[in-house]
Amino acid sequence: MSTSTARFVRRIPEGEDRERLTCNDCGYVAYENPKIVVGSVVAVEGRVLLCRRAIEPRRGFWTIPAGYMELGETVEEGALREAREEACAELQLDGVLAVYSIARIGQVQILFRASLASPGFAAGPESLEVRLFDWDEIPWDELAFPSVHWVLQAWREAGDAPLGAPRGNPPADLRGTTPLPLRTSEAAA
């Protein structure tokens, strides 16, 4: 089947219970599944490593080093790669800190607790700057995504104790449907 000539429509295929993108000619179903995001809360002497985004969405906002998994890599390999790409940092992963379901944008986020495996970090091509923040210095109003708020709280609650079961979505947003409010400057744009 050539997708360049196929005509896809949204319909409920036989044996399914929801609309799917389906080829009108041959019946092929192009399943659309959630994307997997991997990343890490990197702690250095009680401070957390954050990256100011150089790319959209949310350019200029702060986040943990994280991004989409690539085919052929494990979640651990993906988290380590994202830290290299965004923060030029080599990490030691401590374990899974949180797993979040962000239904409104079709993501599952698997986030680790980590430390630097070697000293040094710098802004990679997807970051404007990279800094360590004490807890009371974190720019909460400038964090890029709700899940960054959630995972930083999970990191704070976990402290240095052994990690138990990963944290999940907060009770107020069990399905990950609430976006961050726009800043006044964004709403005017």
N, C-alpha and C. Protein backbone atom coordinates (compact mmCIF):
# COMPACT_ATOMS: atom_id res chain seq x y z
N MET A 1 0.84 -1.18 0.00
CA MET A 1 0.00 0.00 0.00
C MET A 1 0.88 1.24 0.00
N SER A 2 0.62 2.16 -0.86
CA SER A 2 1.35 3.42 -0.91
C SER A 2 0.54 4.47 -0.16
N THR A 3 1.13 5.01 0.91
CA THR A 3 0.40 6.01 1.69
C THR A 3 0.25 7.32 0.95
N SER A 4 1.07 7.53 -0.11
CA SER A 4 0.94 8.78 -0.86
C SER A 4 -0.32 8.79 -1.71
N THR A 5 -0.85 7.62 -2.05
CA THR A 5 -2.06 7.57 -2.86
C THR A 5 -3.26 7.08 -2.06
N ALA A 6 -3.05 6.57 -0.89
CA ALA A 6 -4.15 6.07 -0.07
C ALA A 6 -5.00 7.23 0.44
N ARG A 7 -6.28 6.97 0.60
CA ARG A 7 -7.21 7.96 1.15
C ARG A 7 -7.61 7.49 2.54
N PHE A 8 -7.12 8.20 3.55
CA PHE A 8 -7.43 7.83 4.93
C PHE A 8 -8.61 8.64 5.43
N VAL A 9 -9.48 7.96 6.15
CA VAL A 9 -10.65 8.60 6.77
C VAL A 9 -10.73 8.12 8.22
N ARG A 10 -11.41 8.90 9.02
CA ARG A 10 -11.65 8.49 10.41
C ARG A 10 -12.99 7.75 10.46
N ARG A 11 -12.92 6.50 10.93
CA ARG A 11 -14.14 5.71 11.09
C ARG A 11 -13.87 4.62 12.11
N ILE A 12 -14.92 3.95 12.52
CA ILE A 12 -14.77 2.84 13.46
C ILE A 12 -14.66 1.57 12.65
N PRO A 13 -13.46 0.97 12.58
CA PRO A 13 -13.31 -0.27 11.82
C PRO A 13 -14.06 -1.42 12.50
N GLU A 14 -14.41 -2.41 11.71
CA GLU A 14 -15.09 -3.59 12.25
C GLU A 14 -14.25 -4.22 13.35
N GLY A 15 -14.88 -4.54 14.46
CA GLY A 15 -14.18 -5.16 15.59
C GLY A 15 -13.51 -4.16 16.52
N GLU A 16 -13.60 -2.87 16.23
CA GLU A 16 -13.00 -1.83 17.06
C GLU A 16 -14.10 -1.10 17.82
N ASP A 17 -13.70 -0.30 18.80
CA ASP A 17 -14.69 0.43 19.59
C ASP A 17 -14.50 1.95 19.54
N ARG A 18 -13.59 2.42 18.66
CA ARG A 18 -13.35 3.85 18.54
C ARG A 18 -12.91 4.18 17.13
N GLU A 19 -13.02 5.48 16.80
CA GLU A 19 -12.59 5.91 15.47
C GLU A 19 -11.10 5.71 15.32
N ARG A 20 -10.73 5.28 14.12
CA ARG A 20 -9.32 5.10 13.77
C ARG A 20 -9.10 5.71 12.39
N LEU A 21 -7.87 6.10 12.12
CA LEU A 21 -7.49 6.56 10.80
C LEU A 21 -7.36 5.31 9.92
N THR A 22 -8.24 5.19 8.93
CA THR A 22 -8.36 3.95 8.15
C THR A 22 -8.29 4.26 6.67
N CYS A 23 -7.57 3.42 5.93
CA CYS A 23 -7.50 3.57 4.48
C CYS A 23 -8.86 3.21 3.89
N ASN A 24 -9.42 4.14 3.15
CA ASN A 24 -10.74 3.94 2.55
C ASN A 24 -10.69 2.89 1.44
N ASP A 25 -9.50 2.64 0.86
CA ASP A 25 -9.37 1.70 -0.24
C ASP A 25 -9.16 0.26 0.22
N CYS A 26 -8.22 0.06 1.19
CA CYS A 26 -7.85 -1.32 1.57
C CYS A 26 -8.22 -1.69 3.00
N GLY A 27 -8.63 -0.71 3.82
CA GLY A 27 -9.02 -1.00 5.19
C GLY A 27 -7.88 -0.97 6.20
N TYR A 28 -6.65 -0.67 5.75
CA TYR A 28 -5.50 -0.58 6.65
C TYR A 28 -5.79 0.44 7.75
N VAL A 29 -5.49 0.05 9.00
CA VAL A 29 -5.70 0.95 10.14
C VAL A 29 -4.36 1.51 10.56
N ALA A 30 -4.24 2.83 10.55
CA ALA A 30 -3.02 3.52 11.00
C ALA A 30 -3.23 3.91 12.46
N TYR A 31 -2.82 3.03 13.36
CA TYR A 31 -3.03 3.28 14.79
C TYR A 31 -2.22 4.47 15.26
N GLU A 32 -2.84 5.30 16.05
CA GLU A 32 -2.18 6.45 16.65
C GLU A 32 -2.07 6.17 18.14
N ASN A 33 -0.83 6.04 18.61
CA ASN A 33 -0.59 5.67 19.99
C ASN A 33 0.14 6.78 20.72
N PRO A 34 0.07 6.76 22.06
CA PRO A 34 0.79 7.78 22.82
C PRO A 34 2.29 7.75 22.56
N LYS A 35 2.90 8.90 22.68
CA LYS A 35 4.36 9.04 22.59
C LYS A 35 4.93 8.84 24.00
N ILE A 36 6.13 8.28 24.05
CA ILE A 36 6.80 8.08 25.34
C ILE A 36 7.87 9.14 25.51
N VAL A 37 7.81 9.85 26.63
CA VAL A 37 8.80 10.86 26.99
C VAL A 37 9.62 10.29 28.14
N VAL A 38 10.93 10.47 28.07
CA VAL A 38 11.82 10.03 29.15
C VAL A 38 12.68 11.22 29.59
N GLY A 39 13.01 11.24 30.86
CA GLY A 39 13.83 12.33 31.37
C GLY A 39 14.26 12.07 32.80
N SER A 40 14.93 13.07 33.37
CA SER A 40 15.51 12.89 34.71
C SER A 40 15.47 14.17 35.52
N VAL A 41 15.22 14.00 36.81
CA VAL A 41 15.49 15.06 37.78
C VAL A 41 16.90 14.81 38.26
N VAL A 42 17.80 15.72 37.91
CA VAL A 42 19.22 15.57 38.22
C VAL A 42 19.52 16.42 39.44
N ALA A 43 19.98 15.77 40.51
CA ALA A 43 20.30 16.47 41.74
C ALA A 43 21.81 16.55 41.92
N VAL A 44 22.27 17.73 42.31
CA VAL A 44 23.68 17.97 42.61
C VAL A 44 23.74 18.73 43.93
N GLU A 45 24.18 18.05 44.98
CA GLU A 45 24.29 18.65 46.31
C GLU A 45 23.01 19.37 46.72
N GLY A 46 21.87 18.71 46.52
CA GLY A 46 20.59 19.25 46.93
C GLY A 46 19.97 20.25 45.97
N ARG A 47 20.66 20.56 44.90
CA ARG A 47 20.11 21.47 43.89
C ARG A 47 19.68 20.66 42.68
N VAL A 48 18.77 21.22 41.91
CA VAL A 48 18.22 20.51 40.76
C VAL A 48 18.66 21.21 39.46
N LEU A 49 18.98 20.39 38.46
CA LEU A 49 19.43 20.87 37.16
C LEU A 49 18.22 21.13 36.27
N LEU A 50 18.11 22.36 35.77
CA LEU A 50 17.04 22.71 34.85
C LEU A 50 17.62 23.31 33.58
N CYS A 51 16.90 23.10 32.48
CA CYS A 51 17.31 23.60 31.17
C CYS A 51 16.27 24.60 30.68
N ARG A 52 16.73 25.75 30.19
CA ARG A 52 15.81 26.73 29.57
C ARG A 52 15.68 26.34 28.10
N ARG A 53 14.45 26.07 27.67
CA ARG A 53 14.19 25.53 26.33
C ARG A 53 14.55 26.52 25.23
N ALA A 54 15.26 26.02 24.21
CA ALA A 54 15.60 26.82 23.03
C ALA A 54 14.68 26.49 21.86
N ILE A 55 13.72 25.58 22.09
CA ILE A 55 12.83 25.13 21.03
C ILE A 55 11.38 25.22 21.49
N GLU A 56 10.48 25.24 20.53
CA GLU A 56 9.05 25.18 20.83
C GLU A 56 8.67 23.72 21.03
N PRO A 57 7.67 23.41 21.78
CA PRO A 57 6.82 24.36 22.48
C PRO A 57 7.48 24.88 23.75
N ARG A 58 6.98 26.02 24.19
CA ARG A 58 7.39 26.64 25.47
C ARG A 58 8.85 27.10 25.45
N ARG A 59 9.29 27.62 24.33
CA ARG A 59 10.64 28.19 24.22
C ARG A 59 10.84 29.24 25.32
N GLY A 60 12.00 29.20 25.97
CA GLY A 60 12.31 30.15 27.02
C GLY A 60 11.88 29.72 28.41
N PHE A 61 11.11 28.65 28.50
CA PHE A 61 10.67 28.15 29.79
C PHE A 61 11.64 27.07 30.27
N TRP A 62 11.62 26.81 31.57
CA TRP A 62 12.53 25.84 32.19
C TRP A 62 11.90 24.46 32.27
N THR A 63 12.75 23.44 32.13
CA THR A 63 12.30 22.05 32.23
C THR A 63 13.45 21.19 32.73
N ILE A 64 13.14 19.96 33.05
CA ILE A 64 14.18 18.98 33.32
C ILE A 64 14.69 18.46 31.97
N PRO A 65 15.89 17.88 31.92
CA PRO A 65 16.32 17.27 30.65
C PRO A 65 15.42 16.07 30.32
N ALA A 66 14.66 16.19 29.25
CA ALA A 66 13.69 15.15 28.89
C ALA A 66 13.29 15.32 27.44
N GLY A 67 12.77 14.24 26.86
CA GLY A 67 12.27 14.30 25.49
C GLY A 67 11.76 12.95 25.04
N TYR A 68 11.38 12.89 23.77
CA TYR A 68 10.81 11.67 23.22
C TYR A 68 11.85 10.57 23.08
N MET A 69 11.41 9.35 23.38
CA MET A 69 12.25 8.17 23.13
C MET A 69 12.44 7.99 21.64
N GLU A 70 13.54 7.37 21.28
CA GLU A 70 13.80 6.99 19.90
C GLU A 70 13.60 5.49 19.76
N LEU A 71 13.29 5.05 18.56
CA LEU A 71 13.20 3.61 18.30
C LEU A 71 14.56 2.98 18.56
N GLY A 72 14.56 1.79 19.12
CA GLY A 72 15.80 1.06 19.32
C GLY A 72 16.52 1.38 20.62
N GLU A 73 15.92 2.19 21.50
CA GLU A 73 16.57 2.48 22.76
C GLU A 73 15.65 2.12 23.92
N THR A 74 16.26 1.83 25.07
CA THR A 74 15.49 1.57 26.28
C THR A 74 15.12 2.91 26.91
N VAL A 75 14.21 2.88 27.89
CA VAL A 75 13.85 4.13 28.57
C VAL A 75 15.07 4.74 29.26
N GLU A 76 15.94 3.89 29.81
CA GLU A 76 17.16 4.39 30.46
C GLU A 76 18.09 5.05 29.45
N GLU A 77 18.30 4.37 28.31
CA GLU A 77 19.16 4.94 27.27
C GLU A 77 18.60 6.26 26.76
N GLY A 78 17.28 6.34 26.63
CA GLY A 78 16.66 7.58 26.17
C GLY A 78 16.86 8.72 27.16
N ALA A 79 16.70 8.44 28.44
CA ALA A 79 16.89 9.47 29.46
C ALA A 79 18.34 9.95 29.47
N LEU A 80 19.28 9.04 29.34
CA LEU A 80 20.70 9.42 29.31
C LEU A 80 21.01 10.24 28.06
N ARG A 81 20.45 9.86 26.92
CA ARG A 81 20.66 10.60 25.67
C ARG A 81 20.09 12.01 25.78
N GLU A 82 18.89 12.14 26.32
CA GLU A 82 18.27 13.46 26.45
C GLU A 82 19.13 14.38 27.33
N ALA A 83 19.72 13.85 28.40
CA ALA A 83 20.59 14.66 29.26
C ALA A 83 21.84 15.12 28.51
N ARG A 84 22.37 14.23 27.67
CA ARG A 84 23.54 14.63 26.85
C ARG A 84 23.16 15.71 25.85
N GLU A 85 22.01 15.54 25.19
CA GLU A 85 21.58 16.49 24.16
C GLU A 85 21.23 17.85 24.73
N GLU A 86 20.53 17.88 25.85
CA GLU A 86 20.01 19.14 26.37
C GLU A 86 20.94 19.81 27.38
N ALA A 87 21.71 19.01 28.11
CA ALA A 87 22.53 19.59 29.18
C ALA A 87 24.00 19.18 29.09
N CYS A 88 24.39 18.52 28.00
CA CYS A 88 25.78 18.05 27.84
C CYS A 88 26.25 17.35 29.12
N ALA A 89 25.36 16.56 29.71
CA ALA A 89 25.62 15.94 31.01
C ALA A 89 25.60 14.43 30.90
N GLU A 90 26.52 13.80 31.59
CA GLU A 90 26.54 12.34 31.73
C GLU A 90 25.92 12.03 33.09
N LEU A 91 24.92 11.14 33.09
CA LEU A 91 24.16 10.87 34.31
C LEU A 91 24.37 9.47 34.84
N GLN A 92 24.08 9.35 36.13
CA GLN A 92 23.92 8.06 36.80
C GLN A 92 22.45 8.01 37.23
N LEU A 93 21.69 7.08 36.66
CA LEU A 93 20.27 6.97 37.02
C LEU A 93 20.12 6.20 38.32
N ASP A 94 19.25 6.70 39.19
CA ASP A 94 19.02 6.09 40.50
C ASP A 94 17.80 5.18 40.47
N GLY A 95 16.86 5.45 39.61
CA GLY A 95 15.64 4.65 39.52
C GLY A 95 14.50 5.49 38.98
N VAL A 96 13.37 4.84 38.73
CA VAL A 96 12.20 5.54 38.21
C VAL A 96 11.55 6.31 39.35
N LEU A 97 11.44 7.61 39.17
CA LEU A 97 10.82 8.49 40.16
C LEU A 97 9.33 8.63 39.93
N ALA A 98 8.91 8.73 38.65
CA ALA A 98 7.50 8.98 38.36
C ALA A 98 7.14 8.46 36.97
N VAL A 99 5.88 8.08 36.83
CA VAL A 99 5.29 7.73 35.54
C VAL A 99 3.98 8.51 35.44
N TYR A 100 3.91 9.39 34.43
CA TYR A 100 2.74 10.24 34.27
C TYR A 100 2.02 9.93 32.97
N SER A 101 0.68 9.97 33.03
CA SER A 101 -0.16 9.83 31.85
C SER A 101 -0.71 11.20 31.51
N ILE A 102 -0.36 11.71 30.35
CA ILE A 102 -0.81 13.04 29.93
C ILE A 102 -1.76 12.84 28.75
N ALA A 103 -3.01 12.52 29.07
CA ALA A 103 -4.00 12.13 28.06
C ALA A 103 -4.27 13.23 27.05
N ARG A 104 -4.27 14.49 27.47
CA ARG A 104 -4.66 15.57 26.55
C ARG A 104 -3.71 15.73 25.38
N ILE A 105 -2.45 15.25 25.53
CA ILE A 105 -1.49 15.34 24.43
C ILE A 105 -0.93 13.97 24.04
N GLY A 106 -1.53 12.91 24.56
CA GLY A 106 -1.14 11.56 24.15
C GLY A 106 0.29 11.20 24.53
N GLN A 107 0.68 11.47 25.77
CA GLN A 107 2.03 11.14 26.22
C GLN A 107 1.99 10.28 27.47
N VAL A 108 3.00 9.43 27.59
CA VAL A 108 3.33 8.75 28.82
C VAL A 108 4.74 9.19 29.15
N GLN A 109 4.95 9.70 30.35
CA GLN A 109 6.26 10.20 30.74
C GLN A 109 6.85 9.30 31.82
N ILE A 110 8.07 8.83 31.57
CA ILE A 110 8.81 7.99 32.51
C ILE A 110 10.02 8.80 32.94
N LEU A 111 10.02 9.20 34.22
CA LEU A 111 11.02 10.15 34.70
C LEU A 111 11.84 9.54 35.83
N PHE A 112 13.15 9.70 35.74
CA PHE A 112 14.10 9.10 36.66
C PHE A 112 14.62 10.11 37.67
N ARG A 113 15.12 9.62 38.78
CA ARG A 113 15.94 10.41 39.69
C ARG A 113 17.38 10.09 39.31
N ALA A 114 18.23 11.14 39.21
CA ALA A 114 19.59 10.93 38.71
C ALA A 114 20.57 11.88 39.38
N SER A 115 21.85 11.57 39.18
CA SER A 115 22.93 12.45 39.61
C SER A 115 23.92 12.53 38.45
N LEU A 116 24.85 13.48 38.54
CA LEU A 116 25.87 13.59 37.51
C LEU A 116 26.88 12.45 37.66
N ALA A 117 27.19 11.77 36.57
CA ALA A 117 28.18 10.70 36.59
C ALA A 117 29.59 11.26 36.43
N SER A 118 29.67 12.45 35.84
CA SER A 118 30.95 13.16 35.73
C SER A 118 30.65 14.64 35.89
N PRO A 119 31.61 15.40 36.39
CA PRO A 119 31.32 16.82 36.63
C PRO A 119 31.12 17.57 35.31
N GLY A 120 30.36 18.61 35.41
CA GLY A 120 30.18 19.49 34.26
C GLY A 120 28.88 19.28 33.52
N PHE A 121 28.36 20.38 33.02
CA PHE A 121 27.18 20.40 32.18
C PHE A 121 27.19 21.75 31.45
N ALA A 122 26.46 21.82 30.36
CA ALA A 122 26.38 23.04 29.57
C ALA A 122 25.14 22.97 28.70
N ALA A 123 24.74 24.08 28.16
CA ALA A 123 23.58 24.11 27.28
C ALA A 123 23.88 23.37 25.99
N GLY A 124 23.03 22.42 25.65
CA GLY A 124 23.12 21.74 24.37
C GLY A 124 22.32 22.50 23.33
N PRO A 125 22.18 21.97 22.13
CA PRO A 125 21.50 22.68 21.05
C PRO A 125 20.03 22.99 21.30
N GLU A 126 19.38 22.24 22.20
CA GLU A 126 17.96 22.47 22.48
C GLU A 126 17.74 23.33 23.72
N SER A 127 18.83 23.85 24.31
CA SER A 127 18.73 24.64 25.55
C SER A 127 19.40 25.99 25.37
N LEU A 128 18.75 27.02 25.91
CA LEU A 128 19.34 28.36 25.93
C LEU A 128 20.37 28.48 27.05
N GLU A 129 20.06 27.85 28.18
CA GLU A 129 20.99 27.82 29.31
C GLU A 129 20.62 26.65 30.21
N VAL A 130 21.56 26.25 31.04
CA VAL A 130 21.36 25.15 31.99
C VAL A 130 21.92 25.62 33.32
N ARG A 131 21.13 25.43 34.39
CA ARG A 131 21.55 25.91 35.71
C ARG A 131 21.12 24.95 36.80
N LEU A 132 21.82 25.05 37.92
CA LEU A 132 21.40 24.36 39.14
C LEU A 132 20.60 25.34 39.99
N PHE A 133 19.50 24.87 40.56
CA PHE A 133 18.63 25.69 41.39
C PHE A 133 18.46 25.07 42.76
N ASP A 134 18.61 25.88 43.81
CA ASP A 134 18.14 25.49 45.13
C ASP A 134 16.62 25.45 45.07
N TRP A 135 16.00 24.69 45.96
CA TRP A 135 14.55 24.54 45.94
C TRP A 135 13.82 25.89 45.94
N ASP A 136 14.26 26.81 46.77
CA ASP A 136 13.56 28.10 46.87
C ASP A 136 13.91 29.05 45.72
N GLU A 137 14.80 28.65 44.82
CA GLU A 137 15.15 29.47 43.65
C GLU A 137 14.47 28.98 42.36
N ILE A 138 13.84 27.83 42.41
CA ILE A 138 13.22 27.27 41.20
C ILE A 138 12.21 28.27 40.64
N PRO A 139 12.30 28.61 39.35
CA PRO A 139 11.38 29.57 38.74
C PRO A 139 10.01 28.93 38.43
N TRP A 140 9.22 28.71 39.47
CA TRP A 140 7.97 27.96 39.35
C TRP A 140 7.04 28.52 38.29
N ASP A 141 6.96 29.83 38.16
CA ASP A 141 6.08 30.45 37.17
C ASP A 141 6.63 30.35 35.75
N GLU A 142 7.85 29.89 35.62
CA GLU A 142 8.48 29.78 34.30
C GLU A 142 8.79 28.33 33.93
N LEU A 143 8.16 27.37 34.62
CA LEU A 143 8.35 25.97 34.25
C LEU A 143 7.49 25.65 33.03
N ALA A 144 8.03 24.85 32.14
CA ALA A 144 7.43 24.64 30.83
C ALA A 144 6.13 23.83 30.84
N PHE A 145 6.04 22.83 31.70
CA PHE A 145 4.92 21.90 31.60
C PHE A 145 4.42 21.51 32.99
N PRO A 146 3.14 21.13 33.11
CA PRO A 146 2.62 20.69 34.41
C PRO A 146 3.43 19.54 35.00
N SER A 147 3.86 18.61 34.16
CA SER A 147 4.59 17.44 34.68
C SER A 147 5.94 17.82 35.28
N VAL A 148 6.52 18.96 34.89
CA VAL A 148 7.76 19.41 35.52
C VAL A 148 7.46 19.82 36.95
N HIS A 149 6.35 20.50 37.18
CA HIS A 149 5.92 20.82 38.54
C HIS A 149 5.76 19.53 39.35
N TRP A 150 5.03 18.57 38.75
CA TRP A 150 4.73 17.33 39.46
C TRP A 150 5.99 16.58 39.85
N VAL A 151 6.93 16.43 38.89
CA VAL A 151 8.10 15.60 39.15
C VAL A 151 9.05 16.29 40.13
N LEU A 152 9.12 17.61 40.10
CA LEU A 152 9.95 18.30 41.09
C LEU A 152 9.39 18.10 42.49
N GLN A 153 8.07 18.14 42.63
CA GLN A 153 7.44 17.86 43.93
C GLN A 153 7.72 16.41 44.36
N ALA A 154 7.61 15.47 43.41
CA ALA A 154 7.89 14.06 43.71
C ALA A 154 9.33 13.89 44.16
N TRP A 155 10.27 14.58 43.49
CA TRP A 155 11.68 14.52 43.86
C TRP A 155 11.88 15.04 45.28
N ARG A 156 11.26 16.15 45.58
CA ARG A 156 11.38 16.76 46.92
C ARG A 156 10.83 15.80 47.99
N GLU A 157 9.67 15.20 47.72
CA GLU A 157 9.06 14.27 48.67
C GLU A 157 9.90 13.01 48.86
N ALA A 158 10.52 12.52 47.79
CA ALA A 158 11.32 11.30 47.88
C ALA A 158 12.63 11.53 48.61
N GLY A 159 13.18 12.73 48.49
CA GLY A 159 14.46 13.02 49.13
C GLY A 159 15.52 12.02 48.67
N ASP A 160 16.39 11.65 49.59
CA ASP A 160 17.45 10.69 49.28
C ASP A 160 17.08 9.25 49.63
N ALA A 161 15.85 9.06 50.08
CA ALA A 161 15.41 7.72 50.49
C ALA A 161 15.35 6.79 49.27
N PRO A 162 15.46 5.49 49.51
CA PRO A 162 15.29 4.55 48.40
C PRO A 162 13.94 4.78 47.73
N LEU A 163 13.92 4.66 46.42
CA LEU A 163 12.68 4.88 45.68
C LEU A 163 11.77 3.68 45.81
N GLY A 164 10.52 3.93 46.10
CA GLY A 164 9.51 2.88 46.12
C GLY A 164 8.82 2.87 44.77
N ALA A 165 7.53 2.65 44.81
CA ALA A 165 6.75 2.67 43.57
C ALA A 165 6.82 4.07 42.96
N PRO A 166 6.90 4.17 41.63
CA PRO A 166 6.94 5.49 41.00
C PRO A 166 5.71 6.32 41.34
N ARG A 167 5.89 7.62 41.42
CA ARG A 167 4.77 8.53 41.63
C ARG A 167 3.93 8.53 40.36
N GLY A 168 2.66 8.88 40.52
CA GLY A 168 1.76 9.00 39.38
C GLY A 168 1.18 10.40 39.32
N ASN A 169 0.24 10.58 38.43
CA ASN A 169 -0.41 11.88 38.30
C ASN A 169 -0.97 12.32 39.66
N PRO A 170 -0.98 13.62 39.91
CA PRO A 170 -1.57 14.10 41.16
C PRO A 170 -3.08 13.85 41.17
N PRO A 171 -3.69 13.69 42.34
CA PRO A 171 -5.14 13.42 42.41
C PRO A 171 -5.99 14.46 41.69
N ALA A 172 -5.54 15.70 41.64
CA ALA A 172 -6.32 16.75 40.98
C ALA A 172 -6.29 16.63 39.46
N ASP A 173 -5.40 15.82 38.91
CA ASP A 173 -5.28 15.69 37.44
C ASP A 173 -4.90 14.26 37.08
N LEU A 174 -5.73 13.31 37.45
CA LEU A 174 -5.41 11.89 37.26
C LEU A 174 -5.22 11.48 35.80
N ARG A 175 -5.82 12.23 34.87
CA ARG A 175 -5.70 11.88 33.46
C ARG A 175 -4.77 12.83 32.71
N GLY A 176 -4.17 13.78 33.38
CA GLY A 176 -3.26 14.69 32.70
C GLY A 176 -3.96 15.53 31.66
N THR A 177 -5.05 16.17 32.05
CA THR A 177 -5.82 16.96 31.09
C THR A 177 -5.75 18.46 31.33
N THR A 178 -5.09 18.89 32.40
CA THR A 178 -5.06 20.32 32.74
C THR A 178 -3.75 20.96 32.31
N PRO A 179 -3.78 21.84 31.30
CA PRO A 179 -2.55 22.54 30.89
C PRO A 179 -2.22 23.65 31.87
N LEU A 180 -1.00 24.15 31.78
CA LEU A 180 -0.63 25.32 32.56
C LEU A 180 -1.36 26.53 32.00
N PRO A 181 -1.71 27.50 32.86
CA PRO A 181 -2.32 28.72 32.33
C PRO A 181 -1.28 29.52 31.55
N LEU A 182 -1.73 30.24 30.55
CA LEU A 182 -0.83 31.09 29.77
C LEU A 182 -0.41 32.29 30.61
N ARG A 183 0.82 32.73 30.40
CA ARG A 183 1.26 33.99 31.01
C ARG A 183 0.59 35.12 30.24
N THR A 184 0.47 36.27 30.85
CA THR A 184 -0.18 37.41 30.22
C THR A 184 0.48 37.74 28.89
N SER A 185 1.81 37.69 28.81
CA SER A 185 2.52 38.02 27.57
C SER A 185 2.21 37.01 26.46
N GLU A 186 1.96 35.76 26.82
CA GLU A 186 1.63 34.74 25.81
C GLU A 186 0.20 34.91 25.29
N ALA A 187 -0.71 35.25 26.19
CA ALA A 187 -2.12 35.40 25.79
C ALA A 187 -2.28 36.56 24.82
N ALA A 188 -1.45 37.59 24.95
CA ALA A 188 -1.55 38.75 24.08
C ALA A 188 -0.95 38.50 22.69
N ALA A 189 -0.08 37.48 22.59
CA ALA A 189 0.62 37.21 21.31
C ALA A 189 -0.29 36.58 20.29
